[in-house]
C-alpha atoms as a PDB file:
ATOM      1  CA  MET A   1       9.822  98.358 -99.903  1.00  0.00           C
ATOM      2  CA  ILE A   2       7.558  96.122-101.912  1.00  0.00           C
ATOM      3  CA  LEU A   3      10.701  94.038-102.433  1.00  0.00           C
ATOM      4  CA  GLY A   4      10.872  93.696 -98.645  1.00  0.00           C
ATOM      5  CA  LEU A   5       7.334  92.375 -98.617  1.00  0.00           C
ATOM      6  CA  PHE A   6       8.336  89.718-101.161  1.00  0.00           C
ATOM      7  CA  VAL A   7      11.323  88.820 -98.963  1.00  0.00           C
ATOM      8  CA  ALA A   8       8.991  88.480 -95.981  1.00  0.00           C
ATOM      9  CA  PHE A   9       6.664  86.236 -97.995  1.00  0.00           C
ATOM     10  CA  PHE A  10       9.675  84.136 -99.041  1.00  0.00           C
ATOM     11  CA  PHE A  11      10.692  83.755 -95.388  1.00  0.00           C
ATOM     12  CA  ALA A  12       7.123  82.764 -94.527  1.00  0.00           C
ATOM     13  CA  TYR A  13       7.116  80.191 -97.345  1.00  0.00           C
ATOM     14  CA  ALA A  14      10.505  78.824 -96.254  1.00  0.00           C
ATOM     15  CA  SER A  15       9.432  78.705 -92.603  1.00  0.00           C
ATOM     16  CA  TYR A  16       6.281  76.809 -93.439  1.00  0.00           C
ATOM     17  CA  ASN A  17       7.728  74.364 -95.980  1.00  0.00           C
ATOM     18  CA  TYR A  18      11.242  73.715 -94.719  1.00  0.00           C
ATOM     19  CA  VAL A  19      10.758  74.049 -90.971  1.00  0.00           C
ATOM     20  CA  TYR A  20       7.201  73.211 -90.009  1.00  0.00           C
ATOM     21  CA  MET A  21       6.029  70.853 -92.785  1.00  0.00           C
ATOM     22  CA  ASP A  22       9.399  69.084 -92.985  1.00  0.00           C
ATOM     23  CA  PHE A  23       9.172  68.320 -89.271  1.00  0.00           C
ATOM     24  CA  ILE A  24       5.525  67.196 -89.431  1.00  0.00           C
ATOM     25  CA  ASN A  25       6.041  65.064 -92.550  1.00  0.00           C
ATOM     26  CA  GLY A  26       9.159  63.484 -91.047  1.00  0.00           C
ATOM     27  CA  ILE A  27       7.201  62.326 -88.015  1.00  0.00           C
ATOM     28  CA  ARG A  28       4.238  61.217 -90.127  1.00  0.00           C
ATOM     29  CA  GLU A  29       6.458  59.135 -92.434  1.00  0.00           C
ATOM     30  CA  GLN A  30       8.488  57.759 -89.473  1.00  0.00           C
ATOM     31  CA  VAL A  31      11.895  58.670 -90.946  1.00  0.00           C
ATOM     32  CA  ASP A  32      14.971  57.227 -89.226  1.00  0.00           C
ATOM     33  CA  GLU A  33      16.377  60.519 -87.902  1.00  0.00           C
ATOM     34  CA  ILE A  34      15.100  64.048 -87.402  1.00  0.00           C
ATOM     35  CA  ARG A  35      17.288  67.094 -86.831  1.00  0.00           C
ATOM     36  CA  VAL A  36      16.197  69.706 -84.294  1.00  0.00           C
ATOM     37  CA  SER A  37      17.832  73.130 -83.945  1.00  0.00           C
ATOM     38  CA  TYR A  38      17.201  76.531 -82.379  1.00  0.00           C
ATOM     39  CA  GLY A  39      17.658  77.899 -85.896  1.00  0.00           C
ATOM     40  CA  ASP A  40      14.244  76.552 -86.894  1.00  0.00           C
ATOM     41  CA  GLY A  41      12.481  78.688 -84.325  1.00  0.00           C
ATOM     42  CA  VAL A  42      14.742  81.651 -85.022  1.00  0.00           C
ATOM     43  CA  LEU A  43      13.686  81.513 -88.689  1.00  0.00           C
ATOM     44  CA  ILE A  44      10.057  81.629 -87.567  1.00  0.00           C
ATOM     45  CA  GLY A  45      10.840  84.579 -85.273  1.00  0.00           C
ATOM     46  CA  VAL A  46      12.663  86.464 -88.035  1.00  0.00           C
ATOM     47  CA  THR A  47       9.685  85.922 -90.333  1.00  0.00           C
ATOM     48  CA  PHE A  48       7.365  87.336 -87.687  1.00  0.00           C
ATOM     49  CA  PHE A  49       9.506  90.443 -87.200  1.00  0.00           C
ATOM     50  CA  LEU A  50       9.898  91.001 -90.933  1.00  0.00           C
ATOM     51  CA  PHE A  51       6.124  91.217 -91.208  1.00  0.00           C
ATOM     52  CA  THR A  52       5.832  93.442 -88.122  1.00  0.00           C
ATOM     53  CA  TYR A  53       8.314  95.892 -89.646  1.00  0.00           C
ATOM     54  CA  ILE A  54       7.320  95.820 -93.306  1.00  0.00           C
ATOM     55  CA  VAL A  55       3.541  96.075 -92.918  1.00  0.00           C
ATOM     56  CA  PRO A  56       3.663  99.265 -90.748  1.00  0.00           C
ATOM     57  CA  PHE A  57       6.313 100.686 -93.098  1.00  0.00           C
ATOM     58  CA  LEU A  58       4.076 100.175 -96.115  1.00  0.00           C
ATOM     59  CA  TYR A  59       1.076 101.612 -94.266  1.00  0.00           C
ATOM     60  CA  LEU A  60       3.064 104.643 -93.097  1.00  0.00           C
ATOM     61  CA  ASN A  61       4.339 105.369 -96.605  1.00  0.00           C
ATOM     62  CA  ARG A  62       1.233 104.589 -98.631  1.00  0.00           C
ATOM     63  CA  HIS A  63       1.037 108.207 -99.907  1.00  0.00           C
ATOM     64  CA  ARG A  64       4.763 109.102 -99.869  1.00  0.00           C
ATOM     65  CA  LYS A  65       6.142 108.082-103.240  1.00  0.00           C
ATOM     66  CA  ARG A  66       9.380 110.080-103.484  1.00  0.00           C
ATOM     67  CA  GLN A  67      10.840 110.120 -99.962  1.00  0.00           C
ATOM     68  CA  PRO A  68       9.580 107.286 -97.786  1.00  0.00           C
ATOM     69  CA  LEU A  69       9.905 107.653 -94.028  1.00  0.00           C
ATOM     70  CA  GLU A  70      11.776 104.955 -92.190  1.00  0.00           C
ATOM     71  CA  LEU A  71      10.412 103.875 -88.831  1.00  0.00           C
ATOM     72  CA  TRP A  72      13.659 104.809 -87.070  1.00  0.00           C
ATOM     73  CA  GLU A  73      13.303 108.382 -88.353  1.00  0.00           C
ATOM     74  CA  MET A  74      10.091 108.735 -86.352  1.00  0.00           C
ATOM     75  CA  TYR A  75      11.436 107.516 -83.009  1.00  0.00           C
ATOM     76  CA  SER A  76      14.526 108.325 -80.953  1.00  0.00           C
ATOM     77  CA  ALA A  77      17.658 106.207 -81.116  1.00  0.00           C
ATOM     78  CA  LYS A  78      17.122 105.082 -77.536  1.00  0.00           C
ATOM     79  CA  SER A  79      13.614 103.764 -78.154  1.00  0.00           C
ATOM     80  CA  MET A  80      14.700 102.035 -81.378  1.00  0.00           C
ATOM     81  CA  SER A  81      17.651 100.402 -79.582  1.00  0.00           C
ATOM     82  CA  ILE A  82      15.342  99.141 -76.854  1.00  0.00           C
ATOM     83  CA  ALA A  83      12.878  97.830 -79.445  1.00  0.00           C
ATOM     84  CA  THR A  84      15.676  96.139 -81.410  1.00  0.00           C
ATOM     85  CA  MET A  85      17.107  94.417 -78.338  1.00  0.00           C
ATOM     86  CA  GLY A  86      13.612  93.346 -77.319  1.00  0.00           C
ATOM     87  CA  ALA A  87      12.982  91.918 -80.783  1.00  0.00           C
ATOM     88  CA  LEU A  88      16.312  90.060 -80.726  1.00  0.00           C
ATOM     89  CA  GLY A  89      15.575  88.622 -77.297  1.00  0.00           C
ATOM     90  CA  LEU A  90      12.089  87.604 -78.356  1.00  0.00           C
ATOM     91  CA  THR A  91      13.436  85.966 -81.519  1.00  0.00           C
ATOM     92  CA  LEU A  92      15.891  83.868 -79.491  1.00  0.00           C
ATOM     93  CA  LEU A  93      13.118  83.002 -77.036  1.00  0.00           C
ATOM     94  CA  ILE A  94      10.906  81.865 -79.925  1.00  0.00           C
ATOM     95  CA  GLY A  95      13.770  79.629 -81.118  1.00  0.00           C
ATOM     96  CA  PHE A  96      14.192  78.116 -77.653  1.00  0.00           C
ATOM     97  CA  VAL A  97      10.467  77.511 -77.131  1.00  0.00           C
ATOM     98  CA  TYR A  98      10.000  76.069 -80.632  1.00  0.00           C
ATOM     99  CA  LYS A  99      12.858  73.624 -80.055  1.00  0.00           C
ATOM    100  CA  LYS A 100      11.344  72.536 -76.731  1.00  0.00           C
ATOM    101  CA  ILE A 101       7.973  71.973 -78.433  1.00  0.00           C
ATOM    102  CA  GLU A 102       9.648  69.930 -81.188  1.00  0.00           C
ATOM    103  CA  VAL A 103      11.521  67.794 -78.639  1.00  0.00           C
ATOM    104  CA  LYS A 104       8.353  67.159 -76.634  1.00  0.00           C
ATOM    105  CA  HIS A 105       6.478  66.170 -79.795  1.00  0.00           C
ATOM    106  CA  LEU A 106       9.333  63.891 -80.891  1.00  0.00           C
ATOM    107  CA  SER A 107       9.500  62.089 -77.557  1.00  0.00           C
ATOM    108  CA  SER A 108       5.746  61.459 -77.630  1.00  0.00           C
ATOM    109  CA  SER A 109       6.061  60.124 -81.203  1.00  0.00           C
ATOM    110  CA  GLY A 110       8.672  57.481 -80.377  1.00  0.00           C
ATOM    111  CA  TYR A 111      11.933  59.332 -81.065  1.00  0.00           C
ATOM    112  CA  GLU A 112      14.847  59.587 -78.648  1.00  0.00           C
ATOM    113  CA  TYR A 113      17.961  61.773 -78.467  1.00  0.00           C
ATOM    114  CA  SER A 114      20.981  60.328 -80.272  1.00  0.00           C
ATOM    115  CA  HIS A 115      23.747  62.946 -80.451  1.00  0.00           C
ATOM    116  CA  THR A 116      24.529  66.591 -81.177  1.00  0.00           C
ATOM    117  CA  LYS A 117      26.102  67.786 -84.406  1.00  0.00           C
ATOM    118  CA  GLU A 118      28.157  70.874 -83.603  1.00  0.00           C
ATOM    119  CA  ASN A 119      28.146  73.856 -85.929  1.00  0.00           C
ATOM    120  CA  HIS A 120      31.251  76.042 -85.667  1.00  0.00           C
ATOM    121  CA  ARG A 121      30.271  78.663 -88.245  1.00  0.00           C
ATOM    122  CA  ALA A 122      29.427  82.211 -87.257  1.00  0.00           C
ATOM    123  CA  LEU A 123      25.868  82.364 -85.915  1.00  0.00           C
ATOM    124  CA  GLY A 124      25.556  78.614 -86.342  1.00  0.00           C
ATOM    125  CA  PHE A 125      23.312  76.649 -84.030  1.00  0.00           C
ATOM    126  CA  ASP A 126      24.126  73.125 -82.906  1.00  0.00           C
ATOM    127  CA  THR A 127      21.729  70.493 -84.197  1.00  0.00           C
ATOM    128  CA  ASP A 128      20.376  67.687 -82.030  1.00  0.00           C
ATOM    129  CA  ILE A 129      19.751  64.409 -83.832  1.00  0.00           C
ATOM    130  CA  TYR A 130      16.773  62.309 -82.752  1.00  0.00           C
ATOM    131  CA  VAL A 131      16.360  58.722 -83.964  1.00  0.00           C
ATOM    132  CA  LEU A 132      13.288  56.533 -84.147  1.00  0.00           C
ATOM    133  CA  THR A 133      13.161  53.855 -81.454  1.00  0.00           C
ATOM    134  CA  GLU A 134      12.070  50.440 -82.588  1.00  0.00           C
END
């Protein structure tokens, strides 16, 4: 499960560098166009839930070397299903709220909506393109 912790740290690094800092640096440097998607916030939500699963898992199994306990072995299937659906809903909500915050920040920084680039892949999110007004 230590590998899972490294995966979570990679997601945190990717979220910070390629979602948050890319957005902030794009506004700071006044680039011509900025892409905004729900996927940015979903990546942040997935990172959050990776940490909220992996850290309790590592704490729970700190003395169990041979047969680690999974969290779903401790709780019933019903409670784990409810928790999973809640986490999925919260992840999508984080994506929606993050996109709204990005759009509000873009409009206050002099950007306006240009068009939407559709994404027809499985689990693909459409991307809104915002351009700098002169």
